[in-house]
Amino acid sequence: QVHLVESGGGLAQAGGSLTLSCVASGDISETNSMAWFRQHPGDERDLVAISISGGATHYVEAVRGRFTISRDNTWNTVYLQMNSLKPEDTAVYYCSYKPGNDWGRGTQVTVSS
């Protein structure tokens, strides 16, 4: 079993930056992917960015060029650097290991205009 804890959410102004962190503990392997999802009120949880085994990354169009996902060299922490924030980035952000299999409890990001 994997336990995930997100941190780093909060309030930012449009155009600002935030960095989210997610620490994973338990049965972690560098061969498994980690990802960030977000959920707007009333909507489903959607993929934002994924870090794939081997170092490849993928971003949804809405955040490409503004957000960066990375993992540290212990492979148990994943980050989401969010730049040029927009009000539509306001959501609860969730970390996921083996995306869709294990979830954190989420961290709120609010971007004011």
N, C-alpha and C. Protein backbone atom coordinates (compact mmCIF):
# COMPACT_ATOMS: atom_id res chain seq x y z
N GLN A 1 0.85 -1.19 0.00
CA GLN A 1 0.00 0.00 0.00
C GLN A 1 0.88 1.24 0.00
N VAL A 2 0.39 2.28 -0.65
CA VAL A 2 1.14 3.53 -0.79
C VAL A 2 0.35 4.66 -0.13
N HIS A 3 1.05 5.46 0.65
CA HIS A 3 0.46 6.63 1.31
C HIS A 3 1.03 7.88 0.68
N LEU A 4 0.15 8.79 0.27
CA LEU A 4 0.57 10.00 -0.42
C LEU A 4 0.09 11.22 0.35
N VAL A 5 0.99 12.20 0.51
CA VAL A 5 0.63 13.43 1.21
C VAL A 5 1.05 14.63 0.37
N GLU A 6 0.06 15.42 -0.04
CA GLU A 6 0.33 16.62 -0.82
C GLU A 6 0.52 17.83 0.09
N SER A 7 1.27 18.79 -0.40
CA SER A 7 1.42 20.07 0.29
C SER A 7 1.74 21.14 -0.74
N GLY A 8 1.66 22.40 -0.31
CA GLY A 8 2.07 23.49 -1.17
C GLY A 8 0.94 24.27 -1.80
N GLY A 9 -0.28 23.83 -1.60
CA GLY A 9 -1.40 24.58 -2.15
C GLY A 9 -1.60 25.88 -1.39
N GLY A 10 -2.50 26.69 -1.89
CA GLY A 10 -2.78 27.95 -1.23
C GLY A 10 -3.37 28.94 -2.21
N LEU A 11 -3.24 30.20 -1.86
CA LEU A 11 -3.81 31.29 -2.65
C LEU A 11 -2.70 31.98 -3.43
N ALA A 12 -2.94 32.22 -4.71
CA ALA A 12 -1.99 32.94 -5.55
C ALA A 12 -2.76 33.91 -6.44
N GLN A 13 -2.07 34.93 -6.88
CA GLN A 13 -2.68 35.86 -7.83
C GLN A 13 -2.45 35.35 -9.25
N ALA A 14 -3.31 35.74 -10.14
CA ALA A 14 -3.12 35.39 -11.54
C ALA A 14 -1.74 35.87 -12.00
N GLY A 15 -1.05 35.01 -12.71
CA GLY A 15 0.31 35.30 -13.14
C GLY A 15 1.38 34.85 -12.17
N GLY A 16 0.95 34.45 -11.00
CA GLY A 16 1.89 34.02 -9.97
C GLY A 16 2.26 32.55 -10.10
N SER A 17 2.96 32.07 -9.08
CA SER A 17 3.46 30.70 -9.09
C SER A 17 3.20 30.00 -7.77
N LEU A 18 3.07 28.71 -7.84
CA LEU A 18 3.01 27.84 -6.67
C LEU A 18 3.72 26.55 -7.01
N THR A 19 4.27 25.91 -5.99
CA THR A 19 4.86 24.60 -6.18
C THR A 19 4.20 23.61 -5.24
N LEU A 20 3.64 22.57 -5.81
CA LEU A 20 3.04 21.50 -5.03
C LEU A 20 4.05 20.37 -4.85
N SER A 21 3.98 19.74 -3.69
CA SER A 21 4.83 18.58 -3.41
C SER A 21 3.95 17.42 -2.99
N CYS A 22 4.43 16.23 -3.27
CA CYS A 22 3.71 15.02 -2.85
C CYS A 22 4.75 14.00 -2.43
N VAL A 23 4.67 13.61 -1.17
CA VAL A 23 5.59 12.61 -0.65
C VAL A 23 4.88 11.28 -0.55
N ALA A 24 5.49 10.28 -1.15
CA ALA A 24 4.92 8.94 -1.14
C ALA A 24 5.70 8.05 -0.19
N SER A 25 5.00 7.21 0.52
CA SER A 25 5.64 6.22 1.39
C SER A 25 4.95 4.88 1.19
N GLY A 26 5.71 3.83 1.52
CA GLY A 26 5.17 2.50 1.33
C GLY A 26 5.89 1.78 0.21
N ASP A 27 5.17 1.03 -0.53
CA ASP A 27 5.74 0.17 -1.59
C ASP A 27 5.93 0.98 -2.87
N ILE A 28 7.01 1.80 -2.85
CA ILE A 28 7.28 2.70 -3.97
C ILE A 28 8.33 2.10 -4.88
N SER A 29 8.12 2.24 -6.17
CA SER A 29 9.11 1.80 -7.14
C SER A 29 9.29 2.88 -8.19
N GLU A 30 10.51 3.11 -8.57
CA GLU A 30 10.79 4.11 -9.61
C GLU A 30 10.22 3.67 -10.95
N THR A 31 9.84 2.44 -11.07
CA THR A 31 9.32 1.98 -12.35
C THR A 31 7.86 2.34 -12.56
N ASN A 32 7.25 2.87 -11.51
CA ASN A 32 5.84 3.26 -11.62
C ASN A 32 5.70 4.75 -11.80
N SER A 33 4.67 5.14 -12.50
CA SER A 33 4.44 6.55 -12.79
C SER A 33 3.79 7.24 -11.61
N MET A 34 3.98 8.54 -11.57
CA MET A 34 3.26 9.39 -10.63
C MET A 34 2.66 10.55 -11.42
N ALA A 35 1.56 11.05 -10.93
CA ALA A 35 0.86 12.08 -11.69
C ALA A 35 0.14 13.04 -10.77
N TRP A 36 -0.20 14.17 -11.34
CA TRP A 36 -1.05 15.15 -10.68
C TRP A 36 -2.37 15.24 -11.45
N PHE A 37 -3.44 15.24 -10.68
CA PHE A 37 -4.77 15.45 -11.21
C PHE A 37 -5.35 16.69 -10.53
N ARG A 38 -6.42 17.20 -11.08
CA ARG A 38 -7.13 18.28 -10.40
C ARG A 38 -8.62 18.11 -10.62
N GLN A 39 -9.35 18.67 -9.67
CA GLN A 39 -10.80 18.57 -9.71
C GLN A 39 -11.41 19.92 -9.42
N HIS A 40 -12.13 20.45 -10.42
CA HIS A 40 -12.89 21.68 -10.23
C HIS A 40 -14.20 21.32 -9.56
N PRO A 41 -14.78 22.25 -8.81
CA PRO A 41 -16.05 21.96 -8.14
C PRO A 41 -17.11 21.47 -9.12
N GLY A 42 -17.71 20.34 -8.79
CA GLY A 42 -18.77 19.80 -9.63
C GLY A 42 -18.30 19.01 -10.83
N ASP A 43 -16.98 18.95 -11.04
CA ASP A 43 -16.45 18.24 -12.19
C ASP A 43 -15.74 16.95 -11.77
N GLU A 44 -15.39 16.17 -12.77
CA GLU A 44 -14.60 14.97 -12.50
C GLU A 44 -13.14 15.33 -12.28
N ARG A 45 -12.41 14.40 -11.73
CA ARG A 45 -10.98 14.57 -11.51
C ARG A 45 -10.27 14.31 -12.83
N ASP A 46 -9.46 15.28 -13.26
CA ASP A 46 -8.81 15.20 -14.57
C ASP A 46 -7.29 15.21 -14.42
N LEU A 47 -6.65 14.50 -15.31
CA LEU A 47 -5.19 14.47 -15.34
C LEU A 47 -4.64 15.85 -15.70
N VAL A 48 -3.58 16.24 -14.99
CA VAL A 48 -2.88 17.49 -15.30
C VAL A 48 -1.52 17.19 -15.91
N ALA A 49 -0.75 16.32 -15.24
CA ALA A 49 0.59 16.00 -15.71
C ALA A 49 1.00 14.65 -15.15
N ILE A 50 1.84 13.95 -15.90
CA ILE A 50 2.29 12.63 -15.47
C ILE A 50 3.79 12.49 -15.70
N SER A 51 4.45 11.87 -14.74
CA SER A 51 5.87 11.55 -14.84
C SER A 51 5.97 10.04 -14.99
N ILE A 52 6.46 9.62 -16.15
CA ILE A 52 6.48 8.21 -16.50
C ILE A 52 7.85 7.62 -16.19
N SER A 53 7.88 6.36 -15.85
CA SER A 53 9.15 5.66 -15.62
C SER A 53 10.11 5.92 -16.77
N GLY A 54 11.33 6.28 -16.44
CA GLY A 54 12.32 6.60 -17.45
C GLY A 54 12.49 8.09 -17.65
N GLY A 55 11.58 8.86 -17.06
CA GLY A 55 11.74 10.31 -17.08
C GLY A 55 10.85 11.07 -18.02
N ALA A 56 10.11 10.38 -18.85
CA ALA A 56 9.23 11.08 -19.78
C ALA A 56 8.10 11.74 -19.01
N THR A 57 7.64 12.86 -19.56
CA THR A 57 6.52 13.58 -18.93
C THR A 57 5.47 13.91 -19.99
N HIS A 58 4.27 14.11 -19.50
CA HIS A 58 3.18 14.47 -20.39
C HIS A 58 2.29 15.47 -19.68
N TYR A 59 1.80 16.45 -20.43
CA TYR A 59 0.95 17.49 -19.86
C TYR A 59 -0.31 17.63 -20.70
N VAL A 60 -1.38 17.99 -20.03
CA VAL A 60 -2.58 18.32 -20.79
C VAL A 60 -2.37 19.70 -21.41
N GLU A 61 -3.08 19.94 -22.46
CA GLU A 61 -2.90 21.16 -23.24
C GLU A 61 -3.09 22.41 -22.39
N ALA A 62 -4.01 22.38 -21.46
CA ALA A 62 -4.33 23.57 -20.67
C ALA A 62 -3.18 24.07 -19.81
N VAL A 63 -2.23 23.20 -19.50
CA VAL A 63 -1.13 23.60 -18.60
C VAL A 63 0.24 23.50 -19.28
N ARG A 64 0.29 22.98 -20.49
CA ARG A 64 1.58 22.78 -21.15
C ARG A 64 2.29 24.12 -21.33
N GLY A 65 3.55 24.14 -20.95
CA GLY A 65 4.33 25.37 -21.04
C GLY A 65 4.28 26.22 -19.78
N ARG A 66 3.33 25.90 -18.90
CA ARG A 66 3.21 26.67 -17.64
C ARG A 66 3.54 25.81 -16.42
N PHE A 67 3.21 24.54 -16.47
CA PHE A 67 3.43 23.64 -15.34
C PHE A 67 4.57 22.68 -15.67
N THR A 68 5.30 22.28 -14.63
CA THR A 68 6.38 21.30 -14.79
C THR A 68 6.28 20.26 -13.70
N ILE A 69 6.23 18.99 -14.10
CA ILE A 69 6.22 17.89 -13.14
C ILE A 69 7.63 17.32 -13.04
N SER A 70 8.03 16.98 -11.84
CA SER A 70 9.35 16.39 -11.65
C SER A 70 9.33 15.47 -10.44
N ARG A 71 10.29 14.56 -10.41
CA ARG A 71 10.45 13.65 -9.28
C ARG A 71 11.87 13.78 -8.76
N ASP A 72 12.02 13.62 -7.46
CA ASP A 72 13.38 13.69 -6.94
C ASP A 72 14.08 12.36 -7.14
N ASN A 73 15.37 12.32 -6.81
CA ASN A 73 16.15 11.13 -7.16
C ASN A 73 15.92 9.96 -6.22
N THR A 74 15.08 10.15 -5.20
CA THR A 74 14.67 9.01 -4.39
C THR A 74 13.39 8.40 -4.93
N TRP A 75 12.80 9.09 -5.91
CA TRP A 75 11.58 8.63 -6.60
C TRP A 75 10.36 8.58 -5.69
N ASN A 76 10.45 9.14 -4.48
CA ASN A 76 9.28 9.09 -3.62
C ASN A 76 8.61 10.44 -3.46
N THR A 77 9.13 11.46 -4.14
CA THR A 77 8.52 12.79 -4.07
C THR A 77 8.31 13.30 -5.49
N VAL A 78 7.14 13.79 -5.74
CA VAL A 78 6.84 14.38 -7.03
C VAL A 78 6.39 15.82 -6.81
N TYR A 79 6.82 16.69 -7.70
CA TYR A 79 6.53 18.11 -7.59
C TYR A 79 5.71 18.56 -8.79
N LEU A 80 4.99 19.63 -8.59
CA LEU A 80 4.32 20.29 -9.70
C LEU A 80 4.59 21.78 -9.56
N GLN A 81 5.49 22.29 -10.40
CA GLN A 81 5.78 23.71 -10.44
C GLN A 81 4.76 24.36 -11.35
N MET A 82 4.01 25.29 -10.80
CA MET A 82 2.94 25.94 -11.55
C MET A 82 3.25 27.42 -11.70
N ASN A 83 3.48 27.84 -12.93
CA ASN A 83 3.78 29.24 -13.25
C ASN A 83 2.66 29.84 -14.07
N SER A 84 2.67 31.15 -14.16
CA SER A 84 1.67 31.87 -14.96
C SER A 84 0.26 31.38 -14.64
N LEU A 85 -0.03 31.31 -13.37
CA LEU A 85 -1.31 30.76 -12.94
C LEU A 85 -2.48 31.60 -13.45
N LYS A 86 -3.57 30.90 -13.71
CA LYS A 86 -4.80 31.53 -14.18
C LYS A 86 -5.94 31.18 -13.22
N PRO A 87 -6.97 32.02 -13.16
CA PRO A 87 -8.10 31.69 -12.29
C PRO A 87 -8.69 30.31 -12.57
N GLU A 88 -8.65 29.88 -13.81
CA GLU A 88 -9.20 28.56 -14.14
C GLU A 88 -8.34 27.40 -13.64
N ASP A 89 -7.17 27.71 -13.09
CA ASP A 89 -6.36 26.67 -12.44
C ASP A 89 -6.86 26.38 -11.04
N THR A 90 -7.79 27.17 -10.55
CA THR A 90 -8.35 26.95 -9.22
C THR A 90 -9.02 25.58 -9.16
N ALA A 91 -8.57 24.75 -8.23
CA ALA A 91 -9.06 23.38 -8.12
C ALA A 91 -8.42 22.73 -6.91
N VAL A 92 -8.90 21.55 -6.58
CA VAL A 92 -8.19 20.70 -5.63
C VAL A 92 -7.25 19.81 -6.46
N TYR A 93 -5.98 19.82 -6.09
CA TYR A 93 -4.97 19.06 -6.81
C TYR A 93 -4.64 17.79 -6.03
N TYR A 94 -4.63 16.68 -6.75
CA TYR A 94 -4.36 15.38 -6.15
C TYR A 94 -3.13 14.74 -6.77
N CYS A 95 -2.36 14.11 -5.92
CA CYS A 95 -1.23 13.32 -6.36
C CYS A 95 -1.70 11.88 -6.49
N SER A 96 -1.15 11.18 -7.47
CA SER A 96 -1.52 9.78 -7.65
C SER A 96 -0.30 8.95 -8.02
N TYR A 97 -0.19 7.80 -7.41
CA TYR A 97 0.87 6.84 -7.70
C TYR A 97 0.25 5.71 -8.52
N LYS A 98 1.02 5.23 -9.53
CA LYS A 98 0.39 4.30 -10.47
C LYS A 98 -0.98 4.89 -10.83
N PRO A 99 -0.94 6.04 -11.52
CA PRO A 99 -2.10 6.92 -11.64
C PRO A 99 -3.46 6.23 -11.69
N GLY A 100 -4.26 6.62 -10.73
CA GLY A 100 -5.57 6.04 -10.59
C GLY A 100 -5.63 4.94 -9.56
N ASN A 101 -4.45 4.50 -9.10
CA ASN A 101 -4.44 3.37 -8.17
C ASN A 101 -4.38 3.85 -6.72
N ASP A 102 -3.48 4.80 -6.44
CA ASP A 102 -3.33 5.34 -5.09
C ASP A 102 -3.45 6.86 -5.16
N TRP A 103 -4.11 7.43 -4.18
CA TRP A 103 -4.40 8.87 -4.18
C TRP A 103 -4.03 9.51 -2.86
N GLY A 104 -3.61 10.79 -2.95
CA GLY A 104 -3.51 11.61 -1.77
C GLY A 104 -4.87 12.22 -1.46
N ARG A 105 -4.90 13.04 -0.42
CA ARG A 105 -6.17 13.65 -0.01
C ARG A 105 -6.42 14.97 -0.70
N GLY A 106 -5.42 15.48 -1.39
CA GLY A 106 -5.60 16.69 -2.18
C GLY A 106 -5.16 17.94 -1.45
N THR A 107 -4.85 18.96 -2.24
CA THR A 107 -4.50 20.27 -1.71
C THR A 107 -5.18 21.33 -2.57
N GLN A 108 -5.76 22.31 -1.91
CA GLN A 108 -6.53 23.34 -2.62
C GLN A 108 -5.61 24.40 -3.20
N VAL A 109 -5.82 24.72 -4.45
CA VAL A 109 -5.14 25.84 -5.10
C VAL A 109 -6.21 26.82 -5.54
N THR A 110 -6.05 28.07 -5.13
CA THR A 110 -6.99 29.12 -5.49
C THR A 110 -6.23 30.26 -6.14
N VAL A 111 -6.62 30.62 -7.35
CA VAL A 111 -5.96 31.70 -8.08
C VAL A 111 -6.95 32.84 -8.25
N SER A 112 -6.58 33.99 -7.74
CA SER A 112 -7.46 35.16 -7.84
C SER A 112 -7.09 36.00 -9.05
N SER A 113 -8.10 36.63 -9.61
CA SER A 113 -7.86 37.45 -10.81
C SER A 113 -7.48 38.87 -10.46
